[in-house]
PDB file of N, CA and C in Angstrom:
ATOM      1  N   MET A   1       3.375 -62.360 -37.628  1.00  0.00           N
ATOM      2  CA  MET A   1       3.431 -62.546 -39.069  1.00  0.00           C
ATOM      3  C   MET A   1       2.854 -63.921 -39.387  1.00  0.00           C
ATOM      4  N   GLU A   2       2.019 -63.971 -40.384  1.00  0.00           N
ATOM      5  CA  GLU A   2       1.379 -65.217 -40.797  1.00  0.00           C
ATOM      6  C   GLU A   2       2.044 -65.727 -42.074  1.00  0.00           C
ATOM      7  N   TYR A   3       2.433 -67.019 -42.076  1.00  0.00           N
ATOM      8  CA  TYR A   3       3.020 -67.655 -43.252  1.00  0.00           C
ATOM      9  C   TYR A   3       1.970 -68.551 -43.900  1.00  0.00           C
ATOM     10  N   ILE A   4       1.853 -68.447 -45.209  1.00  0.00           N
ATOM     11  CA  ILE A   4       0.873 -69.226 -45.958  1.00  0.00           C
ATOM     12  C   ILE A   4       1.610 -70.064 -47.002  1.00  0.00           C
ATOM     13  N   THR A   5       1.318 -71.349 -47.021  1.00  0.00           N
ATOM     14  CA  THR A   5       1.951 -72.260 -47.974  1.00  0.00           C
ATOM     15  C   THR A   5       0.973 -72.600 -49.085  1.00  0.00           C
ATOM     16  N   GLU A   6       1.418 -72.419 -50.310  1.00  0.00           N
ATOM     17  CA  GLU A   6       0.657 -72.815 -51.497  1.00  0.00           C
ATOM     18  C   GLU A   6       1.451 -73.888 -52.235  1.00  0.00           C
ATOM     19  N   LYS A   7       0.971 -74.272 -53.388  1.00  0.00           N
ATOM     20  CA  LYS A   7       1.604 -75.370 -54.136  1.00  0.00           C
ATOM     21  C   LYS A   7       3.087 -75.115 -54.402  1.00  0.00           C
ATOM     22  N   ASN A   8       3.429 -73.941 -54.895  1.00  0.00           N
ATOM     23  CA  ASN A   8       4.813 -73.666 -55.271  1.00  0.00           C
ATOM     24  C   ASN A   8       5.342 -72.355 -54.690  1.00  0.00           C
ATOM     25  N   ARG A   9       4.766 -71.939 -53.571  1.00  0.00           N
ATOM     26  CA  ARG A   9       5.297 -70.749 -52.909  1.00  0.00           C
ATOM     27  C   ARG A   9       4.821 -70.683 -51.473  1.00  0.00           C
ATOM     28  N   ILE A  10       5.605 -69.967 -50.695  1.00  0.00           N
ATOM     29  CA  ILE A  10       5.244 -69.649 -49.322  1.00  0.00           C
ATOM     30  C   ILE A  10       5.382 -68.144 -49.205  1.00  0.00           C
ATOM     31  N   TYR A  11       4.392 -67.523 -48.583  1.00  0.00           N
ATOM     32  CA  TYR A  11       4.481 -66.081 -48.432  1.00  0.00           C
ATOM     33  C   TYR A  11       4.043 -65.667 -47.041  1.00  0.00           C
ATOM     34  N   ALA A  12       4.421 -64.439 -46.680  1.00  0.00           N
ATOM     35  CA  ALA A  12       4.121 -63.915 -45.356  1.00  0.00           C
ATOM     36  C   ALA A  12       3.211 -62.708 -45.486  1.00  0.00           C
ATOM     37  N   ILE A  13       2.261 -62.643 -44.565  1.00  0.00           N
ATOM     38  CA  ILE A  13       1.305 -61.541 -44.513  1.00  0.00           C
ATOM     39  C   ILE A  13       1.511 -60.803 -43.191  1.00  0.00           C
ATOM     40  N   GLU A  14       1.538 -59.499 -43.276  1.00  0.00           N
ATOM     41  CA  GLU A  14       1.586 -58.673 -42.075  1.00  0.00           C
ATOM     42  C   GLU A  14       0.670 -57.481 -42.292  1.00  0.00           C
ATOM     43  N   GLY A  15      -0.242 -57.282 -41.390  1.00  0.00           N
ATOM     44  CA  GLY A  15      -1.181 -56.175 -41.528  1.00  0.00           C
ATOM     45  C   GLY A  15      -2.028 -56.257 -42.779  1.00  0.00           C
ATOM     46  N   GLY A  16      -2.347 -57.482 -43.216  1.00  0.00           N
ATOM     47  CA  GLY A  16      -3.163 -57.674 -44.402  1.00  0.00           C
ATOM     48  C   GLY A  16      -2.423 -57.500 -45.717  1.00  0.00           C
ATOM     49  N   LYS A  17      -1.102 -57.302 -45.650  1.00  0.00           N
ATOM     50  CA  LYS A  17      -0.299 -57.071 -46.853  1.00  0.00           C
ATOM     51  C   LYS A  17       0.761 -58.162 -46.996  1.00  0.00           C
ATOM     52  N   GLU A  18       0.961 -58.626 -48.230  1.00  0.00           N
ATOM     53  CA  GLU A  18       2.032 -59.586 -48.491  1.00  0.00           C
ATOM     54  C   GLU A  18       3.370 -58.862 -48.384  1.00  0.00           C
ATOM     55  N   VAL A  19       4.237 -59.370 -47.499  1.00  0.00           N
ATOM     56  CA  VAL A  19       5.500 -58.677 -47.237  1.00  0.00           C
ATOM     57  C   VAL A  19       6.728 -59.511 -47.574  1.00  0.00           C
ATOM     58  N   ALA A  20       6.552 -60.794 -47.876  1.00  0.00           N
ATOM     59  CA  ALA A  20       7.696 -61.648 -48.193  1.00  0.00           C
ATOM     60  C   ALA A  20       7.206 -62.900 -48.907  1.00  0.00           C
ATOM     61  N   GLU A  21       8.091 -63.494 -49.726  1.00  0.00           N
ATOM     62  CA  GLU A  21       7.728 -64.746 -50.390  1.00  0.00           C
ATOM     63  C   GLU A  21       8.955 -65.500 -50.866  1.00  0.00           C
ATOM     64  N   VAL A  22       8.769 -66.793 -51.034  1.00  0.00           N
ATOM     65  CA  VAL A  22       9.740 -67.663 -51.675  1.00  0.00           C
ATOM     66  C   VAL A  22       8.948 -68.527 -52.654  1.00  0.00           C
ATOM     67  N   THR A  23       9.504 -68.728 -53.847  1.00  0.00           N
ATOM     68  CA  THR A  23       8.832 -69.556 -54.852  1.00  0.00           C
ATOM     69  C   THR A  23       9.720 -70.738 -55.213  1.00  0.00           C
ATOM     70  N   PHE A  24       9.067 -71.872 -55.498  1.00  0.00           N
ATOM     71  CA  PHE A  24       9.806 -73.107 -55.785  1.00  0.00           C
ATOM     72  C   PHE A  24       9.026 -73.992 -56.757  1.00  0.00           C
ATOM     73  N   PRO A  25       9.028 -73.643 -58.047  1.00  0.00           N
ATOM     74  CA  PRO A  25       8.342 -74.485 -59.031  1.00  0.00           C
ATOM     75  C   PRO A  25       8.959 -75.884 -59.097  1.00  0.00           C
ATOM     76  N   GLU A  26       8.126 -76.845 -59.476  1.00  0.00           N
ATOM     77  CA  GLU A  26       8.542 -78.251 -59.522  1.00  0.00           C
ATOM     78  C   GLU A  26       8.494 -78.785 -60.941  1.00  0.00           C
ATOM     79  N   ARG A  27       9.476 -79.613 -61.239  1.00  0.00           N
ATOM     80  CA  ARG A  27       9.492 -80.331 -62.507  1.00  0.00           C
ATOM     81  C   ARG A  27      10.172 -81.672 -62.275  1.00  0.00           C
ATOM     82  N   ASN A  28       9.432 -82.741 -62.531  1.00  0.00           N
ATOM     83  CA  ASN A  28       9.949 -84.103 -62.387  1.00  0.00           C
ATOM     84  C   ASN A  28      10.529 -84.376 -60.998  1.00  0.00           C
ATOM     85  N   GLY A  29       9.862 -83.884 -59.964  1.00  0.00           N
ATOM     86  CA  GLY A  29      10.300 -84.140 -58.602  1.00  0.00           C
ATOM     87  C   GLY A  29      11.410 -83.244 -58.097  1.00  0.00           C
ATOM     88  N   ILE A  30      11.852 -82.313 -58.927  1.00  0.00           N
ATOM     89  CA  ILE A  30      12.886 -81.362 -58.527  1.00  0.00           C
ATOM     90  C   ILE A  30      12.220 -80.006 -58.332  1.00  0.00           C
ATOM     91  N   TYR A  31      12.369 -79.460 -57.140  1.00  0.00           N
ATOM     92  CA  TYR A  31      11.820 -78.148 -56.819  1.00  0.00           C
ATOM     93  C   TYR A  31      12.967 -77.148 -56.825  1.00  0.00           C
ATOM     94  N   VAL A  32      12.829 -76.111 -57.615  1.00  0.00           N
ATOM     95  CA  VAL A  32      13.886 -75.113 -57.736  1.00  0.00           C
ATOM     96  C   VAL A  32      13.454 -73.841 -57.015  1.00  0.00           C
ATOM     97  N   ILE A  33      14.164 -73.522 -55.944  1.00  0.00           N
ATOM     98  CA  ILE A  33      13.908 -72.257 -55.255  1.00  0.00           C
ATOM     99  C   ILE A  33      14.507 -71.170 -56.131  1.00  0.00           C
ATOM    100  N   ASN A  34      13.623 -70.408 -56.774  1.00  0.00           N
ATOM    101  CA  ASN A  34      14.102 -69.466 -57.787  1.00  0.00           C
ATOM    102  C   ASN A  34      13.903 -68.000 -57.424  1.00  0.00           C
ATOM    103  N   HIS A  35      13.286 -67.747 -56.267  1.00  0.00           N
ATOM    104  CA  HIS A  35      13.016 -66.346 -55.924  1.00  0.00           C
ATOM    105  C   HIS A  35      12.726 -66.222 -54.437  1.00  0.00           C
ATOM    106  N   THR A  36      13.355 -65.251 -53.801  1.00  0.00           N
ATOM    107  CA  THR A  36      12.975 -64.861 -52.448  1.00  0.00           C
ATOM    108  C   THR A  36      12.826 -63.344 -52.444  1.00  0.00           C
ATOM    109  N   TYR A  37      11.879 -62.887 -51.653  1.00  0.00           N
ATOM    110  CA  TYR A  37      11.644 -61.452 -51.536  1.00  0.00           C
ATOM    111  C   TYR A  37      11.212 -61.135 -50.113  1.00  0.00           C
ATOM    112  N   VAL A  38      11.777 -60.060 -49.558  1.00  0.00           N
ATOM    113  CA  VAL A  38      11.351 -59.538 -48.270  1.00  0.00           C
ATOM    114  C   VAL A  38      11.248 -58.026 -48.405  1.00  0.00           C
ATOM    115  N   ASP A  39      10.146 -57.468 -47.950  1.00  0.00           N
ATOM    116  CA  ASP A  39       9.939 -56.021 -47.980  1.00  0.00           C
ATOM    117  C   ASP A  39      11.130 -55.319 -47.306  1.00  0.00           C
ATOM    118  N   ASP A  40      11.551 -54.213 -47.881  1.00  0.00           N
ATOM    119  CA  ASP A  40      12.728 -53.482 -47.391  1.00  0.00           C
ATOM    120  C   ASP A  40      12.688 -53.226 -45.885  1.00  0.00           C
ATOM    121  N   ARG A  41      11.553 -52.863 -45.360  1.00  0.00           N
ATOM    122  CA  ARG A  41      11.491 -52.495 -43.947  1.00  0.00           C
ATOM    123  C   ARG A  41      11.631 -53.690 -43.003  1.00  0.00           C
ATOM    124  N   LEU A  42      11.578 -54.906 -43.553  1.00  0.00           N
ATOM    125  CA  LEU A  42      11.678 -56.112 -42.725  1.00  0.00           C
ATOM    126  C   LEU A  42      12.987 -56.866 -42.924  1.00  0.00           C
ATOM    127  N   ARG A  43      13.842 -56.373 -43.784  1.00  0.00           N
ATOM    128  CA  ARG A  43      15.098 -57.083 -44.055  1.00  0.00           C
ATOM    129  C   ARG A  43      15.998 -57.085 -42.824  1.00  0.00           C
ATOM    130  N   GLY A  44      16.823 -58.102 -42.754  1.00  0.00           N
ATOM    131  CA  GLY A  44      17.748 -58.235 -41.637  1.00  0.00           C
ATOM    132  C   GLY A  44      17.129 -58.845 -40.384  1.00  0.00           C
ATOM    133  N   GLN A  45      15.922 -59.358 -40.492  1.00  0.00           N
ATOM    134  CA  GLN A  45      15.229 -59.943 -39.342  1.00  0.00           C
ATOM    135  C   GLN A  45      15.103 -61.463 -39.437  1.00  0.00           C
ATOM    136  N   GLY A  46      15.744 -62.075 -40.424  1.00  0.00           N
ATOM    137  CA  GLY A  46      15.708 -63.527 -40.555  1.00  0.00           C
ATOM    138  C   GLY A  46      14.499 -64.074 -41.288  1.00  0.00           C
ATOM    139  N   ILE A  47      13.735 -63.204 -41.917  1.00  0.00           N
ATOM    140  CA  ILE A  47      12.509 -63.655 -42.597  1.00  0.00           C
ATOM    141  C   ILE A  47      12.837 -64.473 -43.842  1.00  0.00           C
ATOM    142  N   ALA A  48      13.806 -64.044 -44.622  1.00  0.00           N
ATOM    143  CA  ALA A  48      14.184 -64.811 -45.823  1.00  0.00           C
ATOM    144  C   ALA A  48      14.678 -66.201 -45.430  1.00  0.00           C
ATOM    145  N   SER A  49      15.469 -66.267 -44.380  1.00  0.00           N
ATOM    146  CA  SER A  49      15.951 -67.553 -43.890  1.00  0.00           C
ATOM    147  C   SER A  49      14.786 -68.445 -43.470  1.00  0.00           C
ATOM    148  N   GLU A  50      13.819 -67.881 -42.774  1.00  0.00           N
ATOM    149  CA  GLU A  50      12.645 -68.645 -42.352  1.00  0.00           C
ATOM    150  C   GLU A  50      11.859 -69.154 -43.561  1.00  0.00           C
ATOM    151  N   LEU A  51      11.715 -68.313 -44.571  1.00  0.00           N
ATOM    152  CA  LEU A  51      10.989 -68.733 -45.776  1.00  0.00           C
ATOM    153  C   LEU A  51      11.695 -69.888 -46.479  1.00  0.00           C
ATOM    154  N   VAL A  52      13.004 -69.784 -46.640  1.00  0.00           N
ATOM    155  CA  VAL A  52      13.751 -70.847 -47.316  1.00  0.00           C
ATOM    156  C   VAL A  52      13.702 -72.123 -46.482  1.00  0.00           C
ATOM    157  N   ARG A  53      13.844 -72.007 -45.167  1.00  0.00           N
ATOM    158  CA  ARG A  53      13.764 -73.181 -44.298  1.00  0.00           C
ATOM    159  C   ARG A  53      12.407 -73.869 -44.457  1.00  0.00           C
ATOM    160  N   ARG A  54      11.349 -73.076 -44.450  1.00  0.00           N
ATOM    161  CA  ARG A  54      10.005 -73.637 -44.622  1.00  0.00           C
ATOM    162  C   ARG A  54       9.849 -74.294 -45.999  1.00  0.00           C
ATOM    163  N   ALA A  55      10.406 -73.673 -47.026  1.00  0.00           N
ATOM    164  CA  ALA A  55      10.323 -74.238 -48.375  1.00  0.00           C
ATOM    165  C   ALA A  55      11.046 -75.578 -48.440  1.00  0.00           C
ATOM    166  N   VAL A  56      12.243 -75.638 -47.878  1.00  0.00           N
ATOM    167  CA  VAL A  56      13.007 -76.891 -47.885  1.00  0.00           C
ATOM    168  C   VAL A  56      12.241 -77.981 -47.140  1.00  0.00           C
ATOM    169  N   GLU A  57      11.678 -77.651 -45.984  1.00  0.00           N
ATOM    170  CA  GLU A  57      10.892 -78.635 -45.238  1.00  0.00           C
ATOM    171  C   GLU A  57       9.683 -79.108 -46.038  1.00  0.00           C
ATOM    172  N   GLU A  58       9.005 -78.189 -46.690  1.00  0.00           N
ATOM    173  CA  GLU A  58       7.838 -78.543 -47.503  1.00  0.00           C
ATOM    174  C   GLU A  58       8.238 -79.464 -48.663  1.00  0.00           C
ATOM    175  N   ILE A  59       9.313 -79.122 -49.330  1.00  0.00           N
ATOM    176  CA  ILE A  59       9.795 -79.925 -50.463  1.00  0.00           C
ATOM    177  C   ILE A  59      10.173 -81.325 -49.986  1.00  0.00           C
ATOM    178  N   GLU A  60      10.883 -81.403 -48.880  1.00  0.00           N
ATOM    179  CA  GLU A  60      11.282 -82.710 -48.349  1.00  0.00           C
ATOM    180  C   GLU A  60      10.064 -83.536 -47.940  1.00  0.00           C
ATOM    181  N   GLN A  61       9.051 -82.903 -47.355  1.00  0.00           N
ATOM    182  CA  GLN A  61       7.828 -83.624 -46.988  1.00  0.00           C
ATOM    183  C   GLN A  61       7.129 -84.188 -48.215  1.00  0.00           C
ATOM    184  N   ARG A  62       7.254 -83.507 -49.327  1.00  0.00           N
ATOM    185  CA  ARG A  62       6.655 -83.967 -50.578  1.00  0.00           C
ATOM    186  C   ARG A  62       7.501 -85.032 -51.261  1.00  0.00           C
ATOM    187  N   GLY A  63       8.688 -85.303 -50.731  1.00  0.00           N
ATOM    188  CA  GLY A  63       9.573 -86.294 -51.311  1.00  0.00           C
ATOM    189  C   GLY A  63      10.356 -85.765 -52.502  1.00  0.00           C
ATOM    190  N   GLY A  64      10.438 -84.458 -52.631  1.00  0.00           N
ATOM    191  CA  GLY A  64      11.140 -83.849 -53.754  1.00  0.00           C
ATOM    192  C   GLY A  64      12.597 -83.558 -53.451  1.00  0.00           C
ATOM    193  N   ARG A  65      13.296 -83.182 -54.479  1.00  0.00           N
ATOM    194  CA  ARG A  65      14.696 -82.791 -54.372  1.00  0.00           C
ATOM    195  C   ARG A  65      14.775 -81.276 -54.469  1.00  0.00           C
ATOM    196  N   VAL A  66      15.632 -80.666 -53.649  1.00  0.00           N
ATOM    197  CA  VAL A  66      15.774 -79.214 -53.593  1.00  0.00           C
ATOM    198  C   VAL A  66      16.955 -78.764 -54.435  1.00  0.00           C
ATOM    199  N   GLU A  67      16.708 -77.769 -55.273  1.00  0.00           N
ATOM    200  CA  GLU A  67      17.766 -77.057 -55.988  1.00  0.00           C
ATOM    201  C   GLU A  67      17.462 -75.576 -55.856  1.00  0.00           C
ATOM    202  N   ALA A  68      18.425 -74.729 -56.213  1.00  0.00           N
ATOM    203  CA  ALA A  68      18.195 -73.291 -56.106  1.00  0.00           C
ATOM    204  C   ALA A  68      18.912 -72.537 -57.215  1.00  0.00           C
ATOM    205  N   THR A  69      18.205 -71.571 -57.782  1.00  0.00           N
ATOM    206  CA  THR A  69      18.827 -70.626 -58.709  1.00  0.00           C
ATOM    207  C   THR A  69      18.871 -69.236 -58.081  1.00  0.00           C
ATOM    208  N   CYS A  70      18.094 -69.027 -57.044  1.00  0.00           N
ATOM    209  CA  CYS A  70      18.100 -67.771 -56.296  1.00  0.00           C
ATOM    210  C   CYS A  70      19.408 -67.703 -55.498  1.00  0.00           C
ATOM    211  N   SER A  71      20.119 -66.600 -55.604  1.00  0.00           N
ATOM    212  CA  SER A  71      21.422 -66.491 -54.935  1.00  0.00           C
ATOM    213  C   SER A  71      21.293 -66.599 -53.413  1.00  0.00           C
ATOM    214  N   TYR A  72      20.255 -66.021 -52.841  1.00  0.00           N
ATOM    215  CA  TYR A  72      20.080 -66.124 -51.385  1.00  0.00           C
ATOM    216  C   TYR A  72      19.861 -67.587 -50.984  1.00  0.00           C
ATOM    217  N   ALA A  73      18.994 -68.281 -51.698  1.00  0.00           N
ATOM    218  CA  ALA A  73      18.709 -69.680 -51.377  1.00  0.00           C
ATOM    219  C   ALA A  73      19.950 -70.556 -51.571  1.00  0.00           C
ATOM    220  N   GLN A  74      20.747 -70.282 -52.587  1.00  0.00           N
ATOM    221  CA  GLN A  74      21.978 -71.034 -52.795  1.00  0.00           C
ATOM    222  C   GLN A  74      22.906 -70.883 -51.587  1.00  0.00           C
ATOM    223  N   LEU A  75      23.067 -69.662 -51.116  1.00  0.00           N
ATOM    224  CA  LEU A  75      23.909 -69.399 -49.948  1.00  0.00           C
ATOM    225  C   LEU A  75      23.329 -70.083 -48.710  1.00  0.00           C
ATOM    226  N   TRP A  76      22.022 -69.984 -48.514  1.00  0.00           N
ATOM    227  CA  TRP A  76      21.385 -70.613 -47.366  1.00  0.00           C
ATOM    228  C   TRP A  76      21.601 -72.123 -47.383  1.00  0.00           C
ATOM    229  N   LEU A  77      21.423 -72.739 -48.534  1.00  0.00           N
ATOM    230  CA  LEU A  77      21.602 -74.184 -48.648  1.00  0.00           C
ATOM    231  C   LEU A  77      23.043 -74.594 -48.371  1.00  0.00           C
ATOM    232  N   ALA A  78      23.991 -73.802 -48.845  1.00  0.00           N
ATOM    233  CA  ALA A  78      25.401 -74.115 -48.611  1.00  0.00           C
ATOM    234  C   ALA A  78      25.747 -74.042 -47.115  1.00  0.00           C
ATOM    235  N   ARG A  79      25.094 -73.142 -46.398  1.00  0.00           N
ATOM    236  CA  ARG A  79      25.367 -72.953 -44.976  1.00  0.00           C
ATOM    237  C   ARG A  79      24.579 -73.896 -44.085  1.00  0.00           C
ATOM    238  N   ASN A  80      23.504 -74.451 -44.605  1.00  0.00           N
ATOM    239  CA  ASN A  80      22.647 -75.303 -43.776  1.00  0.00           C
ATOM    240  C   ASN A  80      22.632 -76.711 -44.330  1.00  0.00           C
TER     241      ASN A  80
END
């Protein structure tokens, strides 16, 4: 699976198709993880966790602050 990082999202490609993504728009140095998605057939394999982990690392590298409105990301942040 290939992960691609853009300005405000990270997504995964498998077989030429986008199968997962996390989005994190920024405002005044605060990045809000507001959406995660994983294709039904890939759920339960840790892909959402990997996406959120990558997003948090990217945000921290940019010197931003992480917040979340996505329920999955909120739970992930509380546990990690």
